[in-house]
PDB file of N, CA and C in Angstrom:
ATOM      1  N   MET A   1      98.854  27.471  83.794  1.00  0.00           N
ATOM      2  CA  MET A   1      99.199  27.678  82.409  1.00  0.00           C
ATOM      3  C   MET A   1     100.534  26.983  82.117  1.00  0.00           C
ATOM      4  N   GLU A   2     100.576  26.280  81.029  1.00  0.00           N
ATOM      5  CA  GLU A   2     101.817  25.631  80.597  1.00  0.00           C
ATOM      6  C   GLU A   2     102.761  26.683  80.018  1.00  0.00           C
ATOM      7  N   ILE A   3     104.049  26.535  80.282  1.00  0.00           N
ATOM      8  CA  ILE A   3     105.061  27.467  79.778  1.00  0.00           C
ATOM      9  C   ILE A   3     106.005  26.710  78.855  1.00  0.00           C
ATOM     10  N   VAL A   4     106.129  27.192  77.622  1.00  0.00           N
ATOM     11  CA  VAL A   4     107.043  26.609  76.640  1.00  0.00           C
ATOM     12  C   VAL A   4     108.117  27.653  76.348  1.00  0.00           C
ATOM     13  N   VAL A   5     109.377  27.254  76.457  1.00  0.00           N
ATOM     14  CA  VAL A   5     110.502  28.167  76.240  1.00  0.00           C
ATOM     15  C   VAL A   5     111.175  27.820  74.919  1.00  0.00           C
ATOM     16  N   HIS A   6     111.228  28.788  74.021  1.00  0.00           N
ATOM     17  CA  HIS A   6     111.869  28.557  72.722  1.00  0.00           C
ATOM     18  C   HIS A   6     113.356  28.258  72.940  1.00  0.00           C
ATOM     19  N   PRO A   7     113.895  27.203  72.301  1.00  0.00           N
ATOM     20  CA  PRO A   7     115.303  26.831  72.507  1.00  0.00           C
ATOM     21  C   PRO A   7     116.290  27.910  72.068  1.00  0.00           C
ATOM     22  N   ARG A   8     115.867  28.805  71.206  1.00  0.00           N
ATOM     23  CA  ARG A   8     116.732  29.887  70.732  1.00  0.00           C
ATOM     24  C   ARG A   8     117.225  30.768  71.889  1.00  0.00           C
ATOM     25  N   ILE A   9     116.414  30.867  72.953  1.00  0.00           N
ATOM     26  CA  ILE A   9     116.802  31.721  74.080  1.00  0.00           C
ATOM     27  C   ILE A   9     118.132  31.264  74.663  1.00  0.00           C
ATOM     28  N   HIS A  10     118.241  29.987  74.986  1.00  0.00           N
ATOM     29  CA  HIS A  10     119.493  29.483  75.569  1.00  0.00           C
ATOM     30  C   HIS A  10     120.627  29.473  74.546  1.00  0.00           C
ATOM     31  N   GLU A  11     120.293  29.278  73.281  1.00  0.00           N
ATOM     32  CA  GLU A  11     121.323  29.303  72.239  1.00  0.00           C
ATOM     33  C   GLU A  11     121.971  30.682  72.142  1.00  0.00           C
ATOM     34  N   ARG A  12     121.173  31.727  72.282  1.00  0.00           N
ATOM     35  CA  ARG A  12     121.687  33.098  72.174  1.00  0.00           C
ATOM     36  C   ARG A  12     122.226  33.638  73.490  1.00  0.00           C
ATOM     37  N   HIS A  13     121.669  33.154  74.587  1.00  0.00           N
ATOM     38  CA  HIS A  13     122.046  33.650  75.917  1.00  0.00           C
ATOM     39  C   HIS A  13     122.345  32.449  76.806  1.00  0.00           C
ATOM     40  N   GLU A  14     123.580  31.981  76.770  1.00  0.00           N
ATOM     41  CA  GLU A  14     123.953  30.768  77.505  1.00  0.00           C
ATOM     42  C   GLU A  14     123.770  30.897  79.008  1.00  0.00           C
ATOM     43  N   ASN A  15     123.693  32.125  79.510  1.00  0.00           N
ATOM     44  CA  ASN A  15     123.513  32.337  80.949  1.00  0.00           C
ATOM     45  C   ASN A  15     122.050  32.247  81.383  1.00  0.00           C
ATOM     46  N   ILE A  16     121.136  32.015  80.439  1.00  0.00           N
ATOM     47  CA  ILE A  16     119.714  31.880  80.764  1.00  0.00           C
ATOM     48  C   ILE A  16     119.253  30.487  80.346  1.00  0.00           C
ATOM     49  N   SER A  17     118.860  29.679  81.323  1.00  0.00           N
ATOM     50  CA  SER A  17     118.395  28.322  81.040  1.00  0.00           C
ATOM     51  C   SER A  17     116.870  28.300  80.916  1.00  0.00           C
ATOM     52  N   GLU A  18     116.361  27.194  80.429  1.00  0.00           N
ATOM     53  CA  GLU A  18     114.911  27.010  80.359  1.00  0.00           C
ATOM     54  C   GLU A  18     114.297  27.141  81.753  1.00  0.00           C
ATOM     55  N   ARG A  19     114.957  26.557  82.745  1.00  0.00           N
ATOM     56  CA  ARG A  19     114.451  26.632  84.122  1.00  0.00           C
ATOM     57  C   ARG A  19     114.422  28.077  84.621  1.00  0.00           C
ATOM     58  N   ASP A  20     115.445  28.862  84.276  1.00  0.00           N
ATOM     59  CA  ASP A  20     115.468  30.275  84.666  1.00  0.00           C
ATOM     60  C   ASP A  20     114.231  31.001  84.137  1.00  0.00           C
ATOM     61  N   VAL A  21     113.909  30.758  82.874  1.00  0.00           N
ATOM     62  CA  VAL A  21     112.759  31.423  82.255  1.00  0.00           C
ATOM     63  C   VAL A  21     111.459  30.963  82.904  1.00  0.00           C
ATOM     64  N   ILE A  22     111.325  29.668  83.145  1.00  0.00           N
ATOM     65  CA  ILE A  22     110.105  29.154  83.785  1.00  0.00           C
ATOM     66  C   ILE A  22     109.939  29.760  85.170  1.00  0.00           C
ATOM     67  N   GLU A  23     111.016  29.833  85.942  1.00  0.00           N
ATOM     68  CA  GLU A  23     110.939  30.448  87.278  1.00  0.00           C
ATOM     69  C   GLU A  23     110.561  31.921  87.175  1.00  0.00           C
ATOM     70  N   ALA A  24     111.156  32.632  86.226  1.00  0.00           N
ATOM     71  CA  ALA A  24     110.825  34.046  86.051  1.00  0.00           C
ATOM     72  C   ALA A  24     109.363  34.222  85.638  1.00  0.00           C
ATOM     73  N   MET A  25     108.856  33.322  84.797  1.00  0.00           N
ATOM     74  CA  MET A  25     107.441  33.388  84.403  1.00  0.00           C
ATOM     75  C   MET A  25     106.527  33.149  85.601  1.00  0.00           C
ATOM     76  N   ASN A  26     106.977  32.336  86.534  1.00  0.00           N
ATOM     77  CA  ASN A  26     106.181  32.062  87.735  1.00  0.00           C
ATOM     78  C   ASN A  26     106.353  33.135  88.807  1.00  0.00           C
ATOM     79  N   ASN A  27     107.253  34.084  88.573  1.00  0.00           N
ATOM     80  CA  ASN A  27     107.523  35.158  89.542  1.00  0.00           C
ATOM     81  C   ASN A  27     107.508  36.523  88.861  1.00  0.00           C
ATOM     82  N   ILE A  28     106.483  36.761  88.059  1.00  0.00           N
ATOM     83  CA  ILE A  28     106.358  38.021  87.323  1.00  0.00           C
ATOM     84  C   ILE A  28     105.968  39.149  88.277  1.00  0.00           C
ATOM     85  N   ILE A  29     106.648  40.291  88.116  1.00  0.00           N
ATOM     86  CA  ILE A  29     106.338  41.455  88.952  1.00  0.00           C
ATOM     87  C   ILE A  29     105.797  42.637  88.147  1.00  0.00           C
ATOM     88  N   ALA A  30     105.953  42.607  86.819  1.00  0.00           N
ATOM     89  CA  ALA A  30     105.435  43.684  85.977  1.00  0.00           C
ATOM     90  C   ALA A  30     105.159  43.123  84.589  1.00  0.00           C
ATOM     91  N   SER A  31     104.034  43.550  83.993  1.00  0.00           N
ATOM     92  CA  SER A  31     103.652  43.071  82.662  1.00  0.00           C
ATOM     93  C   SER A  31     102.928  44.162  81.891  1.00  0.00           C
ATOM     94  N   ALA A  32     102.978  44.029  80.576  1.00  0.00           N
ATOM     95  CA  ALA A  32     102.223  44.912  79.697  1.00  0.00           C
ATOM     96  C   ALA A  32     101.848  44.129  78.446  1.00  0.00           C
ATOM     97  N   LEU A  33     100.658  44.403  77.948  1.00  0.00           N
ATOM     98  CA  LEU A  33     100.183  43.776  76.717  1.00  0.00           C
ATOM     99  C   LEU A  33     100.506  44.703  75.554  1.00  0.00           C
ATOM    100  N   ARG A  34     101.199  44.181  74.564  1.00  0.00           N
ATOM    101  CA  ARG A  34     101.525  44.961  73.371  1.00  0.00           C
ATOM    102  C   ARG A  34     100.330  44.987  72.424  1.00  0.00           C
ATOM    103  N   GLY A  35     100.351  45.930  71.506  1.00  0.00           N
ATOM    104  CA  GLY A  35      99.269  46.070  70.536  1.00  0.00           C
ATOM    105  C   GLY A  35      99.095  44.865  69.633  1.00  0.00           C
ATOM    106  N   ASN A  36     100.148  44.075  69.449  1.00  0.00           N
ATOM    107  CA  ASN A  36     100.062  42.888  68.593  1.00  0.00           C
ATOM    108  C   ASN A  36      99.579  41.649  69.346  1.00  0.00           C
ATOM    109  N   GLY A  37      99.255  41.808  70.642  1.00  0.00           N
ATOM    110  CA  GLY A  37      98.758  40.681  71.431  1.00  0.00           C
ATOM    111  C   GLY A  37      99.819  39.931  72.213  1.00  0.00           C
ATOM    112  N   ASP A  38     101.086  40.279  72.027  1.00  0.00           N
ATOM    113  CA  ASP A  38     102.164  39.649  72.793  1.00  0.00           C
ATOM    114  C   ASP A  38     102.267  40.306  74.167  1.00  0.00           C
ATOM    115  N   TRP A  39     102.760  39.540  75.128  1.00  0.00           N
ATOM    116  CA  TRP A  39     102.972  40.043  76.478  1.00  0.00           C
ATOM    117  C   TRP A  39     104.443  40.314  76.710  1.00  0.00           C
ATOM    118  N   CYS A  40     104.730  41.372  77.459  1.00  0.00           N
ATOM    119  CA  CYS A  40     106.076  41.706  77.926  1.00  0.00           C
ATOM    120  C   CYS A  40     106.025  41.643  79.436  1.00  0.00           C
ATOM    121  N   SER A  41     106.968  40.948  80.043  1.00  0.00           N
ATOM    122  CA  SER A  41     106.981  40.818  81.502  1.00  0.00           C
ATOM    123  C   SER A  41     108.401  40.809  82.030  1.00  0.00           C
ATOM    124  N   ILE A  42     108.514  41.186  83.299  1.00  0.00           N
ATOM    125  CA  ILE A  42     109.762  41.042  84.039  1.00  0.00           C
ATOM    126  C   ILE A  42     109.459  40.162  85.239  1.00  0.00           C
ATOM    127  N   GLY A  43     110.287  39.130  85.407  1.00  0.00           N
ATOM    128  CA  GLY A  43     110.152  38.231  86.548  1.00  0.00           C
ATOM    129  C   GLY A  43     111.530  37.863  87.065  1.00  0.00           C
ATOM    130  N   PHE A  44     111.567  37.258  88.246  1.00  0.00           N
ATOM    131  CA  PHE A  44     112.837  36.884  88.862  1.00  0.00           C
ATOM    132  C   PHE A  44     113.046  35.377  88.809  1.00  0.00           C
ATOM    133  N   ASP A  45     114.283  34.970  88.490  1.00  0.00           N
ATOM    134  CA  ASP A  45     114.622  33.547  88.492  1.00  0.00           C
ATOM    135  C   ASP A  45     115.094  33.137  89.887  1.00  0.00           C
ATOM    136  N   LEU A  46     115.549  31.898  90.049  1.00  0.00           N
ATOM    137  CA  LEU A  46     115.977  31.406  91.364  1.00  0.00           C
ATOM    138  C   LEU A  46     117.245  32.080  91.878  1.00  0.00           C
ATOM    139  N   GLN A  47     117.974  32.740  90.991  1.00  0.00           N
ATOM    140  CA  GLN A  47     119.176  33.470  91.399  1.00  0.00           C
ATOM    141  C   GLN A  47     118.855  34.931  91.721  1.00  0.00           C
ATOM    142  N   ALA A  48     117.562  35.262  91.757  1.00  0.00           N
ATOM    143  CA  ALA A  48     117.070  36.624  92.030  1.00  0.00           C
ATOM    144  C   ALA A  48     117.468  37.610  90.939  1.00  0.00           C
ATOM    145  N   ARG A  49     117.690  37.097  89.725  1.00  0.00           N
ATOM    146  CA  ARG A  49     117.999  37.975  88.594  1.00  0.00           C
ATOM    147  C   ARG A  49     116.700  38.399  87.928  1.00  0.00           C
ATOM    148  N   PRO A  50     116.534  39.678  87.623  1.00  0.00           N
ATOM    149  CA  PRO A  50     115.366  40.084  86.844  1.00  0.00           C
ATOM    150  C   PRO A  50     115.578  39.683  85.386  1.00  0.00           C
ATOM    151  N   ILE A  51     114.556  39.097  84.794  1.00  0.00           N
ATOM    152  CA  ILE A  51     114.635  38.657  83.403  1.00  0.00           C
ATOM    153  C   ILE A  51     113.481  39.281  82.631  1.00  0.00           C
ATOM    154  N   GLU A  52     113.804  39.939  81.520  1.00  0.00           N
ATOM    155  CA  GLU A  52     112.758  40.448  80.639  1.00  0.00           C
ATOM    156  C   GLU A  52     112.347  39.321  79.709  1.00  0.00           C
ATOM    157  N   MET A  53     111.034  39.214  79.463  1.00  0.00           N
ATOM    158  CA  MET A  53     110.517  38.135  78.627  1.00  0.00           C
ATOM    159  C   MET A  53     109.417  38.665  77.720  1.00  0.00           C
ATOM    160  N   VAL A  54     109.363  38.128  76.507  1.00  0.00           N
ATOM    161  CA  VAL A  54     108.273  38.420  75.586  1.00  0.00           C
ATOM    162  C   VAL A  54     107.692  37.080  75.182  1.00  0.00           C
ATOM    163  N   TYR A  55     106.352  36.996  75.220  1.00  0.00           N
ATOM    164  CA  TYR A  55     105.711  35.716  74.944  1.00  0.00           C
ATOM    165  C   TYR A  55     104.316  35.903  74.377  1.00  0.00           C
ATOM    166  N   LYS A  56     103.857  34.843  73.722  1.00  0.00           N
ATOM    167  CA  LYS A  56     102.495  34.771  73.199  1.00  0.00           C
ATOM    168  C   LYS A  56     101.718  33.800  74.066  1.00  0.00           C
ATOM    169  N   VAL A  57     100.448  34.081  74.264  1.00  0.00           N
ATOM    170  CA  VAL A  57      99.573  33.146  74.956  1.00  0.00           C
ATOM    171  C   VAL A  57      98.632  32.566  73.912  1.00  0.00           C
ATOM    172  N   VAL A  58      98.690  31.245  73.764  1.00  0.00           N
ATOM    173  CA  VAL A  58      97.834  30.534  72.820  1.00  0.00           C
ATOM    174  C   VAL A  58      97.048  29.512  73.622  1.00  0.00           C
ATOM    175  N   GLY A  59      95.769  29.781  73.801  1.00  0.00           N
ATOM    176  CA  GLY A  59      94.962  28.898  74.645  1.00  0.00           C
ATOM    177  C   GLY A  59      95.474  28.953  76.066  1.00  0.00           C
ATOM    178  N   ASP A  60      95.912  27.804  76.577  1.00  0.00           N
ATOM    179  CA  ASP A  60      96.419  27.713  77.946  1.00  0.00           C
ATOM    180  C   ASP A  60      97.943  27.531  77.961  1.00  0.00           C
ATOM    181  N   VAL A  61      98.604  28.010  76.900  1.00  0.00           N
ATOM    182  CA  VAL A  61     100.055  27.851  76.782  1.00  0.00           C
ATOM    183  C   VAL A  61     100.707  29.216  76.556  1.00  0.00           C
ATOM    184  N   ALA A  62     101.741  29.511  77.340  1.00  0.00           N
ATOM    185  CA  ALA A  62     102.555  30.713  77.130  1.00  0.00           C
ATOM    186  C   ALA A  62     103.823  30.280  76.411  1.00  0.00           C
ATOM    187  N   ILE A  63     104.057  30.841  75.229  1.00  0.00           N
ATOM    188  CA  ILE A  63     105.229  30.504  74.434  1.00  0.00           C
ATOM    189  C   ILE A  63     106.221  31.664  74.539  1.00  0.00           C
ATOM    190  N   VAL A  64     107.285  31.452  75.309  1.00  0.00           N
ATOM    191  CA  VAL A  64     108.292  32.497  75.540  1.00  0.00           C
ATOM    192  C   VAL A  64     109.317  32.427  74.415  1.00  0.00           C
ATOM    193  N   TYR A  65     109.434  33.523  73.650  1.00  0.00           N
ATOM    194  CA  TYR A  65     110.380  33.512  72.536  1.00  0.00           C
ATOM    195  C   TYR A  65     111.508  34.531  72.696  1.00  0.00           C
ATOM    196  N   HIS A  66     111.480  35.311  73.778  1.00  0.00           N
ATOM    197  CA  HIS A  66     112.569  36.259  74.048  1.00  0.00           C
ATOM    198  C   HIS A  66     112.788  36.332  75.549  1.00  0.00           C
ATOM    199  N   ALA A  67     114.045  36.272  75.961  1.00  0.00           N
ATOM    200  CA  ALA A  67     114.405  36.470  77.367  1.00  0.00           C
ATOM    201  C   ALA A  67     115.793  37.086  77.408  1.00  0.00           C
ATOM    202  N   PHE A  68     115.973  38.024  78.353  1.00  0.00           N
ATOM    203  CA  PHE A  68     117.242  38.736  78.455  1.00  0.00           C
ATOM    204  C   PHE A  68     117.414  39.247  79.877  1.00  0.00           C
ATOM    205  N   THR A  69     118.635  39.221  80.353  1.00  0.00           N
ATOM    206  CA  THR A  69     118.928  39.787  81.664  1.00  0.00           C
ATOM    207  C   THR A  69     120.228  40.559  81.605  1.00  0.00           C
ATOM    208  N   PRO A  70     120.324  41.710  82.234  1.00  0.00           N
ATOM    209  CA  PRO A  70     119.263  42.404  82.952  1.00  0.00           C
ATOM    210  C   PRO A  70     118.320  43.110  81.977  1.00  0.00           C
ATOM    211  N   PRO A  71     117.104  43.401  82.413  1.00  0.00           N
ATOM    212  CA  PRO A  71     116.158  44.104  81.537  1.00  0.00           C
ATOM    213  C   PRO A  71     116.693  45.483  81.132  1.00  0.00           C
ATOM    214  N   THR A  72     116.470  45.845  79.887  1.00  0.00           N
ATOM    215  CA  THR A  72     116.894  47.164  79.412  1.00  0.00           C
ATOM    216  C   THR A  72     115.988  48.244  80.004  1.00  0.00           C
ATOM    217  N   LYS A  73     116.483  49.468  80.031  1.00  0.00           N
ATOM    218  CA  LYS A  73     115.679  50.590  80.539  1.00  0.00           C
ATOM    219  C   LYS A  73     114.421  50.779  79.695  1.00  0.00           C
ATOM    220  N   LYS A  74     114.542  50.601  78.385  1.00  0.00           N
ATOM    221  CA  LYS A  74     113.384  50.728  77.494  1.00  0.00           C
ATOM    222  C   LYS A  74     112.317  49.690  77.850  1.00  0.00           C
ATOM    223  N   PHE A  75     112.738  48.465  78.098  1.00  0.00           N
ATOM    224  CA  PHE A  75     111.803  47.394  78.447  1.00  0.00           C
ATOM    225  C   PHE A  75     111.166  47.676  79.804  1.00  0.00           C
ATOM    226  N   GLN A  76     111.966  48.127  80.774  1.00  0.00           N
ATOM    227  CA  GLN A  76     111.435  48.458  82.098  1.00  0.00           C
ATOM    228  C   GLN A  76     110.347  49.519  81.989  1.00  0.00           C
ATOM    229  N   LYS A  77     110.586  50.518  81.161  1.00  0.00           N
ATOM    230  CA  LYS A  77     109.590  51.577  80.967  1.00  0.00           C
ATOM    231  C   LYS A  77     108.326  51.015  80.325  1.00  0.00           C
ATOM    232  N   GLU A  78     108.501  50.127  79.346  1.00  0.00           N
ATOM    233  CA  GLU A  78     107.350  49.548  78.645  1.00  0.00           C
ATOM    234  C   GLU A  78     106.413  48.810  79.598  1.00  0.00           C
ATOM    235  N   VAL A  79     106.968  48.106  80.574  1.00  0.00           N
ATOM    236  CA  VAL A  79     106.127  47.329  81.498  1.00  0.00           C
ATOM    237  C   VAL A  79     105.811  48.090  82.787  1.00  0.00           C
ATOM    238  N   GLY A  80     106.332  49.312  82.917  1.00  0.00           N
ATOM    239  CA  GLY A  80     106.050  50.118  84.099  1.00  0.00           C
ATOM    240  C   GLY A  80     106.797  49.682  85.343  1.00  0.00           C
ATOM    241  N   PHE A  81     108.015  49.164  85.150  1.00  0.00           N
ATOM    242  CA  PHE A  81     108.823  48.687  86.272  1.00  0.00           C
ATOM    243  C   PHE A  81     109.889  49.715  86.610  1.00  0.00           C
ATOM    244  N   THR A  82     109.919  50.138  87.865  1.00  0.00           N
ATOM    245  CA  THR A  82     110.947  51.058  88.344  1.00  0.00           C
ATOM    246  C   THR A  82     111.694  50.387  89.481  1.00  0.00           C
ATOM    247  N   PRO A  83     112.936  49.957  89.238  1.00  0.00           N
ATOM    248  CA  PRO A  83     113.678  49.291  90.315  1.00  0.00           C
ATOM    249  C   PRO A  83     113.963  50.255  91.461  1.00  0.00           C
ATOM    250  N   LYS A  84     113.893  49.728  92.673  1.00  0.00           N
ATOM    251  CA  LYS A  84     114.186  50.541  93.854  1.00  0.00           C
ATOM    252  C   LYS A  84     115.686  50.629  94.030  1.00  0.00           C
ATOM    253  N   ARG A  85     116.139  51.772  94.359  1.00  0.00           N
ATOM    254  CA  ARG A  85     117.564  52.007  94.583  1.00  0.00           C
ATOM    255  C   ARG A  85     117.798  52.165  96.077  1.00  0.00           C
ATOM    256  N   GLY A  86     118.963  51.725  96.514  1.00  0.00           N
ATOM    257  CA  GLY A  86     119.272  51.960  97.913  1.00  0.00           C
ATOM    258  C   GLY A  86     119.726  50.798  98.595  1.00  0.00           C
TER     259      GLY A  86
END
């Protein structure tokens, strides 16, 4: 699947690059489908940072329009992700 990263992500979050988002999309560990058809996922980038992402799938293309690190507790709950402590 092709991954397209909206440029607004890096504009709003200078610490998240297009490559970071692509790596996180390729390393998803938790996902949930929202009622509107958008996907919410958490994946890890090359720096081992968890990144929350929201994206639409259109045909064979995933269009990522939101990314944030670290994932909020609300987002973690939405995708069913519980980080291990210890």
